[in-house]
Amino acid sequence: MGFSALRVINDDRVAADSGFDTHGHRDMEIISYVLEGEIAHKDSAVNVATLPPGEFQLMSTGSGIRHSEFDPSQTKEVHFLQIWI
């Protein structure tokens, strides 16, 4: 698992109208970068955002943040990278 401070690089493809249920991570800085499609983000700190291609998001999870990701499109999959440090 990981290399130095880098823990994970997920190359995710999420089908249209599906995603990841609400979940948490312990003591991670998480960077999400959208390559194709859009990803909708929602978290327990009441942040809600939809990220288009070329956008990134940084989230600190050490404070008990729980979050979910979802592909809001009815027709196109989303392709994004998620990097855990």
N, C-alpha and C. Protein backbone atom coordinates (compact mmCIF):
# COMPACT_ATOMS: atom_id res chain seq x y z
N MET A 1 0.84 -1.18 0.00
CA MET A 1 0.00 0.00 0.00
C MET A 1 0.87 1.23 0.00
N GLY A 2 0.86 1.96 -1.09
CA GLY A 2 1.47 3.27 -1.15
C GLY A 2 2.96 3.31 -1.33
N PHE A 3 3.43 4.54 -1.49
CA PHE A 3 4.82 4.85 -1.64
C PHE A 3 5.06 6.15 -0.90
N SER A 4 5.83 6.11 0.18
CA SER A 4 6.06 7.28 1.03
C SER A 4 4.71 7.79 1.54
N ALA A 5 4.41 9.07 1.33
CA ALA A 5 3.13 9.63 1.80
C ALA A 5 1.97 9.28 0.88
N LEU A 6 2.28 8.85 -0.36
CA LEU A 6 1.23 8.46 -1.30
C LEU A 6 0.66 7.11 -0.90
N ARG A 7 -0.65 7.03 -0.70
CA ARG A 7 -1.29 5.79 -0.29
C ARG A 7 -1.97 5.09 -1.45
N VAL A 8 -2.73 5.85 -2.25
CA VAL A 8 -3.53 5.24 -3.31
C VAL A 8 -3.65 6.21 -4.48
N ILE A 9 -3.63 5.67 -5.68
CA ILE A 9 -4.10 6.40 -6.87
C ILE A 9 -5.16 5.51 -7.50
N ASN A 10 -6.40 5.90 -7.38
CA ASN A 10 -7.51 5.16 -7.99
C ASN A 10 -7.82 5.77 -9.34
N ASP A 11 -7.85 4.95 -10.37
CA ASP A 11 -8.28 5.35 -11.71
C ASP A 11 -9.70 4.82 -11.85
N ASP A 12 -10.68 5.67 -11.52
CA ASP A 12 -12.07 5.23 -11.41
C ASP A 12 -12.88 5.57 -12.65
N ARG A 13 -13.71 4.63 -13.04
CA ARG A 13 -14.74 4.84 -14.06
C ARG A 13 -16.06 4.44 -13.41
N VAL A 14 -16.99 5.38 -13.39
CA VAL A 14 -18.27 5.13 -12.72
C VAL A 14 -19.37 5.24 -13.78
N ALA A 15 -20.20 4.22 -13.85
CA ALA A 15 -21.29 4.19 -14.82
C ALA A 15 -22.28 5.32 -14.56
N ALA A 16 -22.98 5.69 -15.64
CA ALA A 16 -24.02 6.73 -15.53
C ALA A 16 -25.02 6.36 -14.44
N ASP A 17 -25.45 7.38 -13.71
CA ASP A 17 -26.49 7.25 -12.68
C ASP A 17 -26.12 6.23 -11.59
N SER A 18 -24.84 6.20 -11.23
CA SER A 18 -24.40 5.33 -10.12
C SER A 18 -23.23 5.99 -9.42
N GLY A 19 -22.73 5.37 -8.35
CA GLY A 19 -21.62 5.97 -7.63
C GLY A 19 -21.26 5.20 -6.39
N PHE A 20 -20.63 5.91 -5.45
CA PHE A 20 -20.16 5.33 -4.20
C PHE A 20 -20.99 5.88 -3.05
N ASP A 21 -21.54 5.00 -2.24
CA ASP A 21 -22.33 5.42 -1.08
C ASP A 21 -21.46 6.21 -0.10
N THR A 22 -22.11 6.87 0.84
CA THR A 22 -21.41 7.65 1.85
C THR A 22 -20.46 6.77 2.64
N HIS A 23 -19.22 7.24 2.76
CA HIS A 23 -18.18 6.48 3.45
C HIS A 23 -17.14 7.45 3.99
N GLY A 24 -16.26 6.96 4.82
CA GLY A 24 -15.21 7.79 5.40
C GLY A 24 -13.83 7.23 5.14
N HIS A 25 -12.84 8.04 5.41
CA HIS A 25 -11.43 7.66 5.33
C HIS A 25 -10.76 8.23 6.57
N ARG A 26 -9.79 7.56 7.10
CA ARG A 26 -9.12 8.05 8.30
C ARG A 26 -7.82 8.76 7.93
N ASP A 27 -7.70 10.01 8.33
CA ASP A 27 -6.45 10.77 8.23
C ASP A 27 -5.87 10.78 6.83
N MET A 28 -6.66 11.18 5.85
CA MET A 28 -6.20 11.27 4.47
C MET A 28 -6.47 12.65 3.91
N GLU A 29 -5.59 13.07 3.03
CA GLU A 29 -5.86 14.19 2.14
C GLU A 29 -6.22 13.53 0.82
N ILE A 30 -7.38 13.85 0.28
CA ILE A 30 -7.85 13.19 -0.94
C ILE A 30 -8.03 14.23 -2.04
N ILE A 31 -7.39 13.96 -3.16
CA ILE A 31 -7.48 14.82 -4.33
C ILE A 31 -8.26 14.05 -5.40
N SER A 32 -9.33 14.64 -5.88
CA SER A 32 -10.10 14.06 -6.98
C SER A 32 -9.90 14.95 -8.20
N TYR A 33 -9.60 14.32 -9.36
CA TYR A 33 -9.39 15.05 -10.61
C TYR A 33 -10.21 14.38 -11.70
N VAL A 34 -11.12 15.15 -12.31
CA VAL A 34 -12.04 14.61 -13.31
C VAL A 34 -11.39 14.66 -14.70
N LEU A 35 -11.37 13.50 -15.36
CA LEU A 35 -10.82 13.40 -16.72
C LEU A 35 -11.92 13.51 -17.78
N GLU A 36 -13.04 12.81 -17.58
CA GLU A 36 -14.17 12.83 -18.51
C GLU A 36 -15.47 12.73 -17.73
N GLY A 37 -16.51 13.38 -18.23
CA GLY A 37 -17.80 13.35 -17.55
C GLY A 37 -17.82 14.32 -16.38
N GLU A 38 -18.73 14.12 -15.46
CA GLU A 38 -18.84 14.94 -14.26
C GLU A 38 -19.03 14.04 -13.05
N ILE A 39 -18.52 14.48 -11.91
CA ILE A 39 -18.72 13.74 -10.66
C ILE A 39 -19.40 14.67 -9.66
N ALA A 40 -20.44 14.18 -9.03
CA ALA A 40 -21.13 14.95 -8.00
C ALA A 40 -20.59 14.50 -6.64
N HIS A 41 -20.26 15.47 -5.80
CA HIS A 41 -19.69 15.21 -4.47
C HIS A 41 -20.64 15.77 -3.42
N LYS A 42 -20.78 15.02 -2.33
CA LYS A 42 -21.57 15.48 -1.19
C LYS A 42 -20.87 14.96 0.06
N ASP A 43 -20.76 15.81 1.11
CA ASP A 43 -20.10 15.33 2.32
C ASP A 43 -20.81 15.80 3.58
N SER A 44 -20.36 15.25 4.70
CA SER A 44 -21.00 15.52 5.99
C SER A 44 -20.72 16.93 6.51
N ALA A 45 -19.85 17.69 5.85
CA ALA A 45 -19.61 19.09 6.21
C ALA A 45 -20.52 20.00 5.40
N VAL A 46 -21.53 19.42 4.77
CA VAL A 46 -22.55 20.11 3.98
C VAL A 46 -21.98 20.75 2.71
N ASN A 47 -20.90 20.18 2.19
CA ASN A 47 -20.36 20.61 0.90
C ASN A 47 -21.02 19.78 -0.19
N VAL A 48 -21.49 20.46 -1.22
CA VAL A 48 -22.08 19.81 -2.38
C VAL A 48 -21.49 20.47 -3.61
N ALA A 49 -20.97 19.68 -4.55
CA ALA A 49 -20.37 20.24 -5.76
C ALA A 49 -20.45 19.23 -6.88
N THR A 50 -20.51 19.73 -8.11
CA THR A 50 -20.39 18.89 -9.29
C THR A 50 -19.16 19.36 -10.03
N LEU A 51 -18.22 18.44 -10.23
CA LEU A 51 -16.94 18.78 -10.85
C LEU A 51 -16.93 18.35 -12.32
N PRO A 52 -16.66 19.29 -13.24
CA PRO A 52 -16.56 18.95 -14.66
C PRO A 52 -15.12 18.51 -15.00
N PRO A 53 -14.88 18.06 -16.22
CA PRO A 53 -13.52 17.67 -16.62
C PRO A 53 -12.53 18.82 -16.42
N GLY A 54 -11.34 18.47 -15.94
CA GLY A 54 -10.29 19.46 -15.71
C GLY A 54 -10.32 20.08 -14.33
N GLU A 55 -11.36 19.82 -13.56
CA GLU A 55 -11.47 20.35 -12.20
C GLU A 55 -10.94 19.34 -11.19
N PHE A 56 -10.47 19.87 -10.08
CA PHE A 56 -10.04 18.98 -9.00
C PHE A 56 -10.62 19.46 -7.69
N GLN A 57 -10.61 18.57 -6.73
CA GLN A 57 -11.12 18.88 -5.40
C GLN A 57 -10.15 18.30 -4.37
N LEU A 58 -9.90 19.05 -3.32
CA LEU A 58 -9.07 18.59 -2.22
C LEU A 58 -9.96 18.46 -0.99
N MET A 59 -9.86 17.31 -0.32
CA MET A 59 -10.67 17.08 0.87
C MET A 59 -9.78 16.51 1.98
N SER A 60 -9.86 17.10 3.16
CA SER A 60 -9.17 16.59 4.34
C SER A 60 -10.16 15.74 5.12
N THR A 61 -9.78 14.49 5.43
CA THR A 61 -10.74 13.58 6.05
C THR A 61 -10.40 13.25 7.50
N GLY A 62 -9.38 13.84 8.06
CA GLY A 62 -8.97 13.51 9.42
C GLY A 62 -9.94 13.95 10.50
N SER A 63 -10.90 14.79 10.14
CA SER A 63 -11.83 15.29 11.14
C SER A 63 -13.16 14.54 11.14
N GLY A 64 -13.18 13.33 10.58
CA GLY A 64 -14.39 12.53 10.58
C GLY A 64 -15.33 12.81 9.43
N ILE A 65 -14.85 13.47 8.39
CA ILE A 65 -15.68 13.75 7.22
C ILE A 65 -16.09 12.45 6.54
N ARG A 66 -17.35 12.37 6.18
CA ARG A 66 -17.86 11.26 5.38
C ARG A 66 -18.36 11.85 4.07
N HIS A 67 -18.19 11.12 2.97
CA HIS A 67 -18.55 11.69 1.68
C HIS A 67 -19.05 10.61 0.72
N SER A 68 -19.67 11.07 -0.37
CA SER A 68 -20.10 10.18 -1.43
C SER A 68 -19.78 10.84 -2.77
N GLU A 69 -19.62 10.00 -3.79
CA GLU A 69 -19.44 10.47 -5.16
C GLU A 69 -20.49 9.79 -6.02
N PHE A 70 -20.97 10.52 -7.02
CA PHE A 70 -22.05 10.01 -7.85
C PHE A 70 -21.92 10.58 -9.25
N ASP A 71 -22.17 9.75 -10.26
CA ASP A 71 -22.20 10.22 -11.65
C ASP A 71 -23.62 10.70 -11.94
N PRO A 72 -23.83 12.02 -12.07
CA PRO A 72 -25.18 12.52 -12.25
C PRO A 72 -25.75 12.35 -13.67
N SER A 73 -24.90 11.97 -14.61
CA SER A 73 -25.36 11.81 -16.00
C SER A 73 -26.26 10.58 -16.13
N GLN A 74 -27.23 10.67 -16.99
CA GLN A 74 -28.09 9.52 -17.29
C GLN A 74 -27.52 8.67 -18.41
N THR A 75 -26.46 9.18 -19.11
CA THR A 75 -25.96 8.47 -20.29
C THR A 75 -24.45 8.26 -20.34
N LYS A 76 -23.66 9.11 -19.69
CA LYS A 76 -22.21 9.04 -19.83
C LYS A 76 -21.54 8.62 -18.53
N GLU A 77 -20.53 7.74 -18.64
CA GLU A 77 -19.76 7.40 -17.45
C GLU A 77 -18.81 8.54 -17.12
N VAL A 78 -18.39 8.59 -15.87
CA VAL A 78 -17.39 9.57 -15.44
C VAL A 78 -16.07 8.81 -15.23
N HIS A 79 -14.99 9.47 -15.61
CA HIS A 79 -13.64 8.92 -15.44
C HIS A 79 -12.86 9.95 -14.62
N PHE A 80 -12.39 9.51 -13.45
CA PHE A 80 -11.65 10.45 -12.60
C PHE A 80 -10.56 9.72 -11.84
N LEU A 81 -9.59 10.48 -11.39
CA LEU A 81 -8.51 9.97 -10.55
C LEU A 81 -8.78 10.41 -9.12
N GLN A 82 -8.52 9.52 -8.18
CA GLN A 82 -8.61 9.90 -6.78
C GLN A 82 -7.29 9.50 -6.13
N ILE A 83 -6.62 10.48 -5.56
CA ILE A 83 -5.28 10.30 -5.00
C ILE A 83 -5.36 10.52 -3.49
N TRP A 84 -4.90 9.53 -2.73
CA TRP A 84 -4.93 9.61 -1.27
C TRP A 84 -3.52 9.82 -0.76
N ILE A 85 -3.35 10.86 0.05
CA ILE A 85 -2.04 11.17 0.66
C ILE A 85 -2.21 11.16 2.16
